[in-house]
Amino acid sequence: MVMKRFVLKQKPVAVILCLKEAQEQWYPSKLAKYSGCSYVYVTGWLAELEKAGWVKFEKKGRLKSVSLTEQGRVIASLLDELVKKMQTEKKPEEKKVDAEGRN
């Protein structure tokens, strides 16, 4: 089992890491597309993140944009660093096996 999948849930982390890209203008539908999650999942997760104080919404006409708060940016940076470290983790050395299947 890959440790990253065990420690971090893919969908919530994907949403937060998308939001970390501050140069993008994020909307729930765009987050769903880029994170690979459903719109319903993203809107529910964003509501939880808003309660936690990690994201804020801004209404612009009919559109509702979402961005990270200062606390959310700190968490996103830490998650990004953790994911990168887990991707570069060293795999345990495999034992050499000869042609007859012996070690």
PDB file of N, CA and C in Angstrom:
ATOM      1  N   MET A   1       0.846  -1.174   0.000  1.00  0.00           N
ATOM      2  CA  MET A   1       0.000   0.000   0.000  1.00  0.00           C
ATOM      3  C   MET A   1       0.896   1.243   0.000  1.00  0.00           C
ATOM      4  N   VAL A   2       0.544   2.207  -0.791  1.00  0.00           N
ATOM      5  CA  VAL A   2       1.298   3.448  -0.835  1.00  0.00           C
ATOM      6  C   VAL A   2       0.974   4.254   0.413  1.00  0.00           C
ATOM      7  N   MET A   3       2.003   4.693   1.106  1.00  0.00           N
ATOM      8  CA  MET A   3       1.833   5.395   2.370  1.00  0.00           C
ATOM      9  C   MET A   3       1.002   6.656   2.212  1.00  0.00           C
ATOM     10  N   LYS A   4       1.170   7.374   1.095  1.00  0.00           N
ATOM     11  CA  LYS A   4       0.431   8.615   0.876  1.00  0.00           C
ATOM     12  C   LYS A   4      -1.070   8.355   0.902  1.00  0.00           C
ATOM     13  N   ARG A   5      -1.510   7.275   0.282  1.00  0.00           N
ATOM     14  CA  ARG A   5      -2.940   6.961   0.258  1.00  0.00           C
ATOM     15  C   ARG A   5      -3.436   6.583   1.649  1.00  0.00           C
ATOM     16  N   PHE A   6      -2.559   6.008   2.451  1.00  0.00           N
ATOM     17  CA  PHE A   6      -2.929   5.613   3.797  1.00  0.00           C
ATOM     18  C   PHE A   6      -3.053   6.828   4.713  1.00  0.00           C
ATOM     19  N   VAL A   7      -2.119   7.737   4.620  1.00  0.00           N
ATOM     20  CA  VAL A   7      -2.074   8.897   5.504  1.00  0.00           C
ATOM     21  C   VAL A   7      -2.996  10.012   5.033  1.00  0.00           C
ATOM     22  N   LEU A   8      -3.007  10.288   3.745  1.00  0.00           N
ATOM     23  CA  LEU A   8      -3.764  11.403   3.201  1.00  0.00           C
ATOM     24  C   LEU A   8      -4.875  10.917   2.283  1.00  0.00           C
ATOM     25  N   LYS A   9      -6.039  11.450   2.461  1.00  0.00           N
ATOM     26  CA  LYS A   9      -7.146  11.128   1.558  1.00  0.00           C
ATOM     27  C   LYS A   9      -6.978  11.948   0.294  1.00  0.00           C
ATOM     28  N   GLN A  10      -7.074  11.300  -0.841  1.00  0.00           N
ATOM     29  CA  GLN A  10      -6.766  11.922  -2.122  1.00  0.00           C
ATOM     30  C   GLN A  10      -7.660  13.110  -2.449  1.00  0.00           C
ATOM     31  N   LYS A  11      -8.965  12.971  -2.324  1.00  0.00           N
ATOM     32  CA  LYS A  11      -9.878  14.035  -2.746  1.00  0.00           C
ATOM     33  C   LYS A  11      -9.749  15.316  -1.922  1.00  0.00           C
ATOM     34  N   PRO A  12      -9.786  15.243  -0.584  1.00  0.00           N
ATOM     35  CA  PRO A  12      -9.648  16.487   0.177  1.00  0.00           C
ATOM     36  C   PRO A  12      -8.320  17.201  -0.079  1.00  0.00           C
ATOM     37  N   VAL A  13      -7.249  16.429  -0.167  1.00  0.00           N
ATOM     38  CA  VAL A  13      -5.933  17.022  -0.421  1.00  0.00           C
ATOM     39  C   VAL A  13      -5.889  17.654  -1.812  1.00  0.00           C
ATOM     40  N   ALA A  14      -6.489  16.991  -2.794  1.00  0.00           N
ATOM     41  CA  ALA A  14      -6.506  17.530  -4.159  1.00  0.00           C
ATOM     42  C   ALA A  14      -7.201  18.885  -4.205  1.00  0.00           C
ATOM     43  N   VAL A  15      -8.304  19.026  -3.492  1.00  0.00           N
ATOM     44  CA  VAL A  15      -9.038  20.297  -3.474  1.00  0.00           C
ATOM     45  C   VAL A  15      -8.189  21.389  -2.837  1.00  0.00           C
ATOM     46  N   ILE A  16      -7.587  21.086  -1.702  1.00  0.00           N
ATOM     47  CA  ILE A  16      -6.775  22.084  -0.993  1.00  0.00           C
ATOM     48  C   ILE A  16      -5.558  22.480  -1.821  1.00  0.00           C
ATOM     49  N   LEU A  17      -4.906  21.504  -2.459  1.00  0.00           N
ATOM     50  CA  LEU A  17      -3.722  21.821  -3.259  1.00  0.00           C
ATOM     51  C   LEU A  17      -4.089  22.619  -4.512  1.00  0.00           C
ATOM     52  N   CYS A  18      -5.262  22.395  -5.069  1.00  0.00           N
ATOM     53  CA  CYS A  18      -5.712  23.237  -6.186  1.00  0.00           C
ATOM     54  C   CYS A  18      -5.854  24.681  -5.719  1.00  0.00           C
ATOM     55  N   LEU A  19      -6.469  24.864  -4.571  1.00  0.00           N
ATOM     56  CA  LEU A  19      -6.672  26.214  -4.041  1.00  0.00           C
ATOM     57  C   LEU A  19      -5.353  26.922  -3.736  1.00  0.00           C
ATOM     58  N   LYS A  20      -4.310  26.129  -3.505  1.00  0.00           N
ATOM     59  CA  LYS A  20      -2.993  26.705  -3.216  1.00  0.00           C
ATOM     60  C   LYS A  20      -2.469  27.516  -4.399  1.00  0.00           C
ATOM     61  N   GLU A  21      -2.912  27.181  -5.598  1.00  0.00           N
ATOM     62  CA  GLU A  21      -2.511  27.920  -6.800  1.00  0.00           C
ATOM     63  C   GLU A  21      -3.282  29.240  -6.824  1.00  0.00           C
ATOM     64  N   ALA A  22      -2.765  30.224  -6.120  1.00  0.00           N
ATOM     65  CA  ALA A  22      -3.471  31.487  -5.904  1.00  0.00           C
ATOM     66  C   ALA A  22      -3.650  32.314  -7.175  1.00  0.00           C
ATOM     67  N   GLN A  23      -2.815  32.108  -8.185  1.00  0.00           N
ATOM     68  CA  GLN A  23      -2.947  32.890  -9.406  1.00  0.00           C
ATOM     69  C   GLN A  23      -4.205  32.523 -10.187  1.00  0.00           C
ATOM     70  N   GLU A  24      -4.794  31.373  -9.867  1.00  0.00           N
ATOM     71  CA  GLU A  24      -6.031  30.935 -10.510  1.00  0.00           C
ATOM     72  C   GLU A  24      -7.230  31.532  -9.783  1.00  0.00           C
ATOM     73  N   GLN A  25      -8.295  31.791 -10.515  1.00  0.00           N
ATOM     74  CA  GLN A  25      -9.570  32.186  -9.921  1.00  0.00           C
ATOM     75  C   GLN A  25     -10.371  30.901  -9.759  1.00  0.00           C
ATOM     76  N   TRP A  26     -10.661  30.496  -8.535  1.00  0.00           N
ATOM     77  CA  TRP A  26     -11.297  29.215  -8.286  1.00  0.00           C
ATOM     78  C   TRP A  26     -12.777  29.356  -7.986  1.00  0.00           C
ATOM     79  N   TYR A  27     -13.554  28.489  -8.606  1.00  0.00           N
ATOM     80  CA  TYR A  27     -14.983  28.353  -8.377  1.00  0.00           C
ATOM     81  C   TYR A  27     -15.220  26.883  -8.060  1.00  0.00           C
ATOM     82  N   PRO A  28     -16.271  26.555  -7.305  1.00  0.00           N
ATOM     83  CA  PRO A  28     -16.507  25.139  -6.974  1.00  0.00           C
ATOM     84  C   PRO A  28     -16.523  24.215  -8.198  1.00  0.00           C
ATOM     85  N   SER A  29     -17.135  24.651  -9.281  1.00  0.00           N
ATOM     86  CA  SER A  29     -17.186  23.787 -10.473  1.00  0.00           C
ATOM     87  C   SER A  29     -15.802  23.585 -11.078  1.00  0.00           C
ATOM     88  N   LYS A  30     -14.985  24.623 -11.077  1.00  0.00           N
ATOM     89  CA  LYS A  30     -13.623  24.520 -11.610  1.00  0.00           C
ATOM     90  C   LYS A  30     -12.771  23.631 -10.700  1.00  0.00           C
ATOM     91  N   LEU A  31     -12.957  23.766  -9.391  1.00  0.00           N
ATOM     92  CA  LEU A  31     -12.236  22.909  -8.447  1.00  0.00           C
ATOM     93  C   LEU A  31     -12.607  21.442  -8.659  1.00  0.00           C
ATOM     94  N   ALA A  32     -13.885  21.194  -8.911  1.00  0.00           N
ATOM     95  CA  ALA A  32     -14.318  19.815  -9.146  1.00  0.00           C
ATOM     96  C   ALA A  32     -13.618  19.241 -10.368  1.00  0.00           C
ATOM     97  N   LYS A  33     -13.551  20.025 -11.407  1.00  0.00           N
ATOM     98  CA  LYS A  33     -12.917  19.566 -12.647  1.00  0.00           C
ATOM     99  C   LYS A  33     -11.423  19.283 -12.438  1.00  0.00           C
ATOM    100  N   TYR A  34     -10.708  20.221 -11.830  1.00  0.00           N
ATOM    101  CA  TYR A  34      -9.255  20.088 -11.696  1.00  0.00           C
ATOM    102  C   TYR A  34      -8.824  19.107 -10.609  1.00  0.00           C
ATOM    103  N   SER A  35      -9.671  18.895  -9.610  1.00  0.00           N
ATOM    104  CA  SER A  35      -9.296  17.972  -8.536  1.00  0.00           C
ATOM    105  C   SER A  35      -9.761  16.540  -8.805  1.00  0.00           C
ATOM    106  N   GLY A  36     -10.605  16.368  -9.825  1.00  0.00           N
ATOM    107  CA  GLY A  36     -11.102  15.036 -10.139  1.00  0.00           C
ATOM    108  C   GLY A  36     -12.204  14.576  -9.202  1.00  0.00           C
ATOM    109  N   CYS A  37     -12.871  15.515  -8.556  1.00  0.00           N
ATOM    110  CA  CYS A  37     -13.950  15.206  -7.623  1.00  0.00           C
ATOM    111  C   CYS A  37     -15.282  15.666  -8.214  1.00  0.00           C
ATOM    112  N   SER A  38     -16.368  15.170  -7.654  1.00  0.00           N
ATOM    113  CA  SER A  38     -17.681  15.617  -8.120  1.00  0.00           C
ATOM    114  C   SER A  38     -17.978  17.000  -7.549  1.00  0.00           C
ATOM    115  N   TYR A  39     -18.865  17.708  -8.219  1.00  0.00           N
ATOM    116  CA  TYR A  39     -19.268  19.039  -7.765  1.00  0.00           C
ATOM    117  C   TYR A  39     -19.884  18.963  -6.367  1.00  0.00           C
ATOM    118  N   VAL A  40     -20.720  17.967  -6.137  1.00  0.00           N
ATOM    119  CA  VAL A  40     -21.378  17.800  -4.841  1.00  0.00           C
ATOM    120  C   VAL A  40     -20.338  17.569  -3.746  1.00  0.00           C
ATOM    121  N   TYR A  41     -19.348  16.731  -4.024  1.00  0.00           N
ATOM    122  CA  TYR A  41     -18.292  16.474  -3.045  1.00  0.00           C
ATOM    123  C   TYR A  41     -17.534  17.766  -2.727  1.00  0.00           C
ATOM    124  N   VAL A  42     -17.162  18.512  -3.769  1.00  0.00           N
ATOM    125  CA  VAL A  42     -16.378  19.737  -3.581  1.00  0.00           C
ATOM    126  C   VAL A  42     -17.162  20.763  -2.769  1.00  0.00           C
ATOM    127  N   THR A  43     -18.432  20.970  -3.082  1.00  0.00           N
ATOM    128  CA  THR A  43     -19.201  21.973  -2.341  1.00  0.00           C
ATOM    129  C   THR A  43     -19.358  21.567  -0.872  1.00  0.00           C
ATOM    130  N   GLY A  44     -19.552  20.288  -0.611  1.00  0.00           N
ATOM    131  CA  GLY A  44     -19.635  19.825   0.775  1.00  0.00           C
ATOM    132  C   GLY A  44     -18.329  20.004   1.519  1.00  0.00           C
ATOM    133  N   TRP A  45     -17.235  19.676   0.864  1.00  0.00           N
ATOM    134  CA  TRP A  45     -15.912  19.801   1.469  1.00  0.00           C
ATOM    135  C   TRP A  45     -15.567  21.272   1.694  1.00  0.00           C
ATOM    136  N   LEU A  46     -15.905  22.132   0.739  1.00  0.00           N
ATOM    137  CA  LEU A  46     -15.645  23.566   0.909  1.00  0.00           C
ATOM    138  C   LEU A  46     -16.432  24.143   2.083  1.00  0.00           C
ATOM    139  N   ALA A  47     -17.646  23.660   2.293  1.00  0.00           N
ATOM    140  CA  ALA A  47     -18.431  24.113   3.451  1.00  0.00           C
ATOM    141  C   ALA A  47     -17.721  23.750   4.753  1.00  0.00           C
ATOM    142  N   GLU A  48     -17.146  22.542   4.796  1.00  0.00           N
ATOM    143  CA  GLU A  48     -16.382  22.129   5.982  1.00  0.00           C
ATOM    144  C   GLU A  48     -15.135  22.987   6.161  1.00  0.00           C
ATOM    145  N   LEU A  49     -14.448  23.262   5.058  1.00  0.00           N
ATOM    146  CA  LEU A  49     -13.239  24.082   5.134  1.00  0.00           C
ATOM    147  C   LEU A  49     -13.569  25.509   5.560  1.00  0.00           C
ATOM    148  N   GLU A  50     -14.725  26.012   5.127  1.00  0.00           N
ATOM    149  CA  GLU A  50     -15.140  27.360   5.538  1.00  0.00           C
ATOM    150  C   GLU A  50     -15.423  27.395   7.042  1.00  0.00           C
ATOM    151  N   LYS A  51     -16.087  26.361   7.571  1.00  0.00           N
ATOM    152  CA  LYS A  51     -16.352  26.283   9.012  1.00  0.00           C
ATOM    153  C   LYS A  51     -15.054  26.260   9.811  1.00  0.00           C
ATOM    154  N   ALA A  52     -14.039  25.583   9.249  1.00  0.00           N
ATOM    155  CA  ALA A  52     -12.738  25.479   9.921  1.00  0.00           C
ATOM    156  C   ALA A  52     -11.913  26.752   9.777  1.00  0.00           C
ATOM    157  N   GLY A  53     -12.361  27.669   8.917  1.00  0.00           N
ATOM    158  CA  GLY A  53     -11.630  28.917   8.720  1.00  0.00           C
ATOM    159  C   GLY A  53     -10.488  28.811   7.725  1.00  0.00           C
ATOM    160  N   TRP A  54     -10.512  27.794   6.865  1.00  0.00           N
ATOM    161  CA  TRP A  54      -9.429  27.587   5.903  1.00  0.00           C
ATOM    162  C   TRP A  54      -9.705  28.229   4.562  1.00  0.00           C
ATOM    163  N   VAL A  55     -10.978  28.430   4.215  1.00  0.00           N
ATOM    164  CA  VAL A  55     -11.328  29.062   2.944  1.00  0.00           C
ATOM    165  C   VAL A  55     -12.350  30.162   3.181  1.00  0.00           C
ATOM    166  N   LYS A  56     -12.433  31.056   2.203  1.00  0.00           N
ATOM    167  CA  LYS A  56     -13.455  32.112   2.245  1.00  0.00           C
ATOM    168  C   LYS A  56     -14.076  32.206   0.855  1.00  0.00           C
ATOM    169  N   PHE A  57     -15.331  32.598   0.831  1.00  0.00           N
ATOM    170  CA  PHE A  57     -16.061  32.759  -0.414  1.00  0.00           C
ATOM    171  C   PHE A  57     -16.261  34.241  -0.688  1.00  0.00           C
ATOM    172  N   GLU A  58     -16.288  34.570  -1.969  1.00  0.00           N
ATOM    173  CA  GLU A  58     -16.554  35.940  -2.385  1.00  0.00           C
ATOM    174  C   GLU A  58     -17.522  35.882  -3.558  1.00  0.00           C
ATOM    175  N   LYS A  59     -18.646  36.550  -3.396  1.00  0.00           N
ATOM    176  CA  LYS A  59     -19.667  36.542  -4.448  1.00  0.00           C
ATOM    177  C   LYS A  59     -19.350  37.642  -5.445  1.00  0.00           C
ATOM    178  N   LYS A  60     -19.265  37.265  -6.724  1.00  0.00           N
ATOM    179  CA  LYS A  60     -19.014  38.210  -7.815  1.00  0.00           C
ATOM    180  C   LYS A  60     -20.123  38.016  -8.838  1.00  0.00           C
ATOM    181  N   GLY A  61     -21.171  38.820  -8.715  1.00  0.00           N
ATOM    182  CA  GLY A  61     -22.319  38.634  -9.592  1.00  0.00           C
ATOM    183  C   GLY A  61     -22.981  37.310  -9.277  1.00  0.00           C
ATOM    184  N   ARG A  62     -23.135  36.490 -10.295  1.00  0.00           N
ATOM    185  CA  ARG A  62     -23.729  35.167 -10.105  1.00  0.00           C
ATOM    186  C   ARG A  62     -22.705  34.138  -9.649  1.00  0.00           C
ATOM    187  N   LEU A  63     -21.427  34.447  -9.793  1.00  0.00           N
ATOM    188  CA  LEU A  63     -20.372  33.493  -9.458  1.00  0.00           C
ATOM    189  C   LEU A  63     -19.922  33.654  -8.010  1.00  0.00           C
ATOM    190  N   LYS A  64     -19.533  32.550  -7.420  1.00  0.00           N
ATOM    191  CA  LYS A  64     -19.033  32.527  -6.049  1.00  0.00           C
ATOM    192  C   LYS A  64     -17.615  31.965  -6.077  1.00  0.00           C
ATOM    193  N   SER A  65     -16.628  32.845  -5.931  1.00  0.00           N
ATOM    194  CA  SER A  65     -15.243  32.363  -5.967  1.00  0.00           C
ATOM    195  C   SER A  65     -14.823  31.936  -4.565  1.00  0.00           C
ATOM    196  N   VAL A  66     -13.813  31.088  -4.531  1.00  0.00           N
ATOM    197  CA  VAL A  66     -13.315  30.565  -3.262  1.00  0.00           C
ATOM    198  C   VAL A  66     -11.805  30.704  -3.240  1.00  0.00           C
ATOM    199  N   SER A  67     -11.270  31.039  -2.072  1.00  0.00           N
ATOM    200  CA  SER A  67      -9.815  31.157  -1.918  1.00  0.00           C
ATOM    201  C   SER A  67      -9.439  30.747  -0.500  1.00  0.00           C
ATOM    202  N   LEU A  68      -8.169  30.473  -0.320  1.00  0.00           N
ATOM    203  CA  LEU A  68      -7.662  30.099   0.997  1.00  0.00           C
ATOM    204  C   LEU A  68      -7.514  31.323   1.883  1.00  0.00           C
ATOM    205  N   THR A  69      -7.773  31.149   3.161  1.00  0.00           N
ATOM    206  CA  THR A  69      -7.474  32.180   4.143  1.00  0.00           C
ATOM    207  C   THR A  69      -5.980  32.054   4.483  1.00  0.00           C
ATOM    208  N   GLU A  70      -5.499  32.912   5.342  1.00  0.00           N
ATOM    209  CA  GLU A  70      -4.096  32.820   5.763  1.00  0.00           C
ATOM    210  C   GLU A  70      -3.824  31.468   6.415  1.00  0.00           C
ATOM    211  N   GLN A  71      -4.722  31.052   7.291  1.00  0.00           N
ATOM    212  CA  GLN A  71      -4.581  29.743   7.937  1.00  0.00           C
ATOM    213  C   GLN A  71      -4.631  28.624   6.895  1.00  0.00           C
ATOM    214  N   GLY A  72      -5.508  28.751   5.930  1.00  0.00           N
ATOM    215  CA  GLY A  72      -5.616  27.757   4.865  1.00  0.00           C
ATOM    216  C   GLY A  72      -4.356  27.672   4.024  1.00  0.00           C
ATOM    217  N   ARG A  73      -3.718  28.816   3.767  1.00  0.00           N
ATOM    218  CA  ARG A  73      -2.469  28.813   2.998  1.00  0.00           C
ATOM    219  C   ARG A  73      -1.358  28.090   3.753  1.00  0.00           C
ATOM    220  N   VAL A  74      -1.315  28.282   5.059  1.00  0.00           N
ATOM    221  CA  VAL A  74      -0.312  27.583   5.877  1.00  0.00           C
ATOM    222  C   VAL A  74      -0.544  26.073   5.803  1.00  0.00           C
ATOM    223  N   ILE A  75      -1.788  25.654   5.978  1.00  0.00           N
ATOM    224  CA  ILE A  75      -2.122  24.225   5.927  1.00  0.00           C
ATOM    225  C   ILE A  75      -1.815  23.652   4.543  1.00  0.00           C
ATOM    226  N   ALA A  76      -2.180  24.387   3.488  1.00  0.00           N
ATOM    227  CA  ALA A  76      -1.938  23.917   2.114  1.00  0.00           C
ATOM    228  C   ALA A  76      -0.447  23.761   1.845  1.00  0.00           C
ATOM    229  N   SER A  77       0.350  24.690   2.332  1.00  0.00           N
ATOM    230  CA  SER A  77       1.803  24.593   2.151  1.00  0.00           C
ATOM    231  C   SER A  77       2.362  23.369   2.869  1.00  0.00           C
ATOM    232  N   LEU A  78       1.889  23.131   4.074  1.00  0.00           N
ATOM    233  CA  LEU A  78       2.343  21.958   4.826  1.00  0.00           C
ATOM    234  C   LEU A  78       1.918  20.661   4.137  1.00  0.00           C
ATOM    235  N   LEU A  79       0.690  20.621   3.640  1.00  0.00           N
ATOM    236  CA  LEU A  79       0.224  19.433   2.909  1.00  0.00           C
ATOM    237  C   LEU A  79       1.046  19.206   1.649  1.00  0.00           C
ATOM    238  N   ASP A  80       1.320  20.292   0.926  1.00  0.00           N
ATOM    239  CA  ASP A  80       2.106  20.187  -0.291  1.00  0.00           C
ATOM    240  C   ASP A  80       3.495  19.635   0.009  1.00  0.00           C
ATOM    241  N   GLU A  81       4.103  20.137   1.061  1.00  0.00           N
ATOM    242  CA  GLU A  81       5.435  19.665   1.455  1.00  0.00           C
ATOM    243  C   GLU A  81       5.391  18.189   1.855  1.00  0.00           C
ATOM    244  N   LEU A  82       4.364  17.805   2.598  1.00  0.00           N
ATOM    245  CA  LEU A  82       4.218  16.414   3.021  1.00  0.00           C
ATOM    246  C   LEU A  82       4.031  15.490   1.821  1.00  0.00           C
ATOM    247  N   VAL A  83       3.189  15.883   0.885  1.00  0.00           N
ATOM    248  CA  VAL A  83       2.956  15.071  -0.308  1.00  0.00           C
ATOM    249  C   VAL A  83       4.249  14.905  -1.104  1.00  0.00           C
ATOM    250  N   LYS A  84       4.998  15.988  -1.262  1.00  0.00           N
ATOM    251  CA  LYS A  84       6.264  15.916  -2.005  1.00  0.00           C
ATOM    252  C   LYS A  84       7.251  14.991  -1.320  1.00  0.00           C
ATOM    253  N   LYS A  85       7.334  15.056   0.010  1.00  0.00           N
ATOM    254  CA  LYS A  85       8.244  14.175   0.737  1.00  0.00           C
ATOM    255  C   LYS A  85       7.834  12.716   0.593  1.00  0.00           C
ATOM    256  N   MET A  86       6.537  12.471   0.586  1.00  0.00           N
ATOM    257  CA  MET A  86       6.052  11.095   0.464  1.00  0.00           C
ATOM    258  C   MET A  86       6.284  10.556  -0.942  1.00  0.00           C
ATOM    259  N   GLN A  87       6.258  11.420  -1.937  1.00  0.00           N
ATOM    260  CA  GLN A  87       6.505  10.984  -3.303  1.00  0.00           C
ATOM    261  C   GLN A  87       7.960  10.621  -3.523  1.00  0.00           C
ATOM    262  N   THR A  88       8.855  11.222  -2.747  1.00  0.00           N
ATOM    263  CA  THR A  88      10.277  10.948  -2.915  1.00  0.00           C
ATOM    264  C   THR A  88      10.795   9.949  -1.887  1.00  0.00           C
ATOM    265  N   GLU A  89       9.874   9.350  -1.108  1.00  0.00           N
ATOM    266  CA  GLU A  89      10.321   8.393  -0.096  1.00  0.00           C
ATOM    267  C   GLU A  89      11.030   7.222  -0.764  1.00  0.00           C
ATOM    268  N   LYS A  90      12.026   6.718  -0.080  1.00  0.00           N
ATOM    269  CA  LYS A  90      12.786   5.595  -0.617  1.00  0.00           C
ATOM    270  C   LYS A  90      12.012   4.314  -0.377  1.00  0.00           C
ATOM    271  N   LYS A  91      12.005   3.486  -1.379  1.00  0.00           N
ATOM    272  CA  LYS A  91      11.343   2.191  -1.263  1.00  0.00           C
ATOM    273  C   LYS A  91      12.308   1.223  -0.608  1.00  0.00           C
ATOM    274  N   PRO A  92      11.787   0.292   0.203  1.00  0.00           N
ATOM    275  CA  PRO A  92      12.688  -0.680   0.816  1.00  0.00           C
ATOM    276  C   PRO A  92      13.389  -1.501  -0.248  1.00  0.00           C
ATOM    277  N   GLU A  93      14.627  -1.816   0.031  1.00  0.00           N
ATOM    278  CA  GLU A  93      15.406  -2.589  -0.935  1.00  0.00           C
ATOM    279  C   GLU A  93      14.805  -3.965  -1.101  1.00  0.00           C
ATOM    280  N   GLU A  94      14.669  -4.367  -2.341  1.00  0.00           N
ATOM    281  CA  GLU A  94      14.142  -5.691  -2.625  1.00  0.00           C
ATOM    282  C   GLU A  94      15.283  -6.691  -2.585  1.00  0.00           C
ATOM    283  N   LYS A  95      14.971  -7.869  -2.068  1.00  0.00           N
ATOM    284  CA  LYS A  95      15.987  -8.909  -2.021  1.00  0.00           C
ATOM    285  C   LYS A  95      16.228  -9.422  -3.423  1.00  0.00           C
ATOM    286  N   LYS A  96      17.477  -9.688  -3.705  1.00  0.00           N
ATOM    287  CA  LYS A  96      17.840 -10.242  -5.006  1.00  0.00           C
ATOM    288  C   LYS A  96      17.435 -11.719  -5.054  1.00  0.00           C
ATOM    289  N   VAL A  97      16.839 -12.105  -6.129  1.00  0.00           N
ATOM    290  CA  VAL A  97      16.401 -13.486  -6.305  1.00  0.00           C
ATOM    291  C   VAL A  97      17.088 -14.044  -7.542  1.00  0.00           C
ATOM    292  N   ASP A  98      17.642 -15.251  -7.401  1.00  0.00           N
ATOM    293  CA  ASP A  98      18.298 -15.855  -8.553  1.00  0.00           C
ATOM    294  C   ASP A  98      17.269 -16.480  -9.491  1.00  0.00           C
ATOM    295  N   ALA A  99      17.745 -17.097 -10.565  1.00  0.00           N
ATOM    296  CA  ALA A  99      16.871 -17.653 -11.600  1.00  0.00           C
ATOM    297  C   ALA A  99      15.967 -18.754 -11.064  1.00  0.00           C
ATOM    298  N   GLU A 100      16.373 -19.423  -9.993  1.00  0.00           N
ATOM    299  CA  GLU A 100      15.563 -20.507  -9.425  1.00  0.00           C
ATOM    300  C   GLU A 100      14.638 -20.029  -8.321  1.00  0.00           C
ATOM    301  N   GLY A 101      14.597 -18.719  -8.094  1.00  0.00           N
ATOM    302  CA  GLY A 101      13.710 -18.159  -7.093  1.00  0.00           C
ATOM    303  C   GLY A 101      14.254 -18.186  -5.682  1.00  0.00           C
ATOM    304  N   ARG A 102      15.576 -18.413  -5.544  1.00  0.00           N
ATOM    305  CA  ARG A 102      16.183 -18.419  -4.207  1.00  0.00           C
ATOM    306  C   ARG A 102      16.798 -17.065  -3.926  1.00  0.00           C
ATOM    307  N   ASN A 103      16.838 -16.735  -2.641  1.00  0.00           N
ATOM    308  CA  ASN A 103      17.487 -15.464  -2.212  1.00  0.00           C
ATOM    309  C   ASN A 103      18.972 -15.603  -2.186  1.00  0.00           C
TER     310      ASN A 103
END
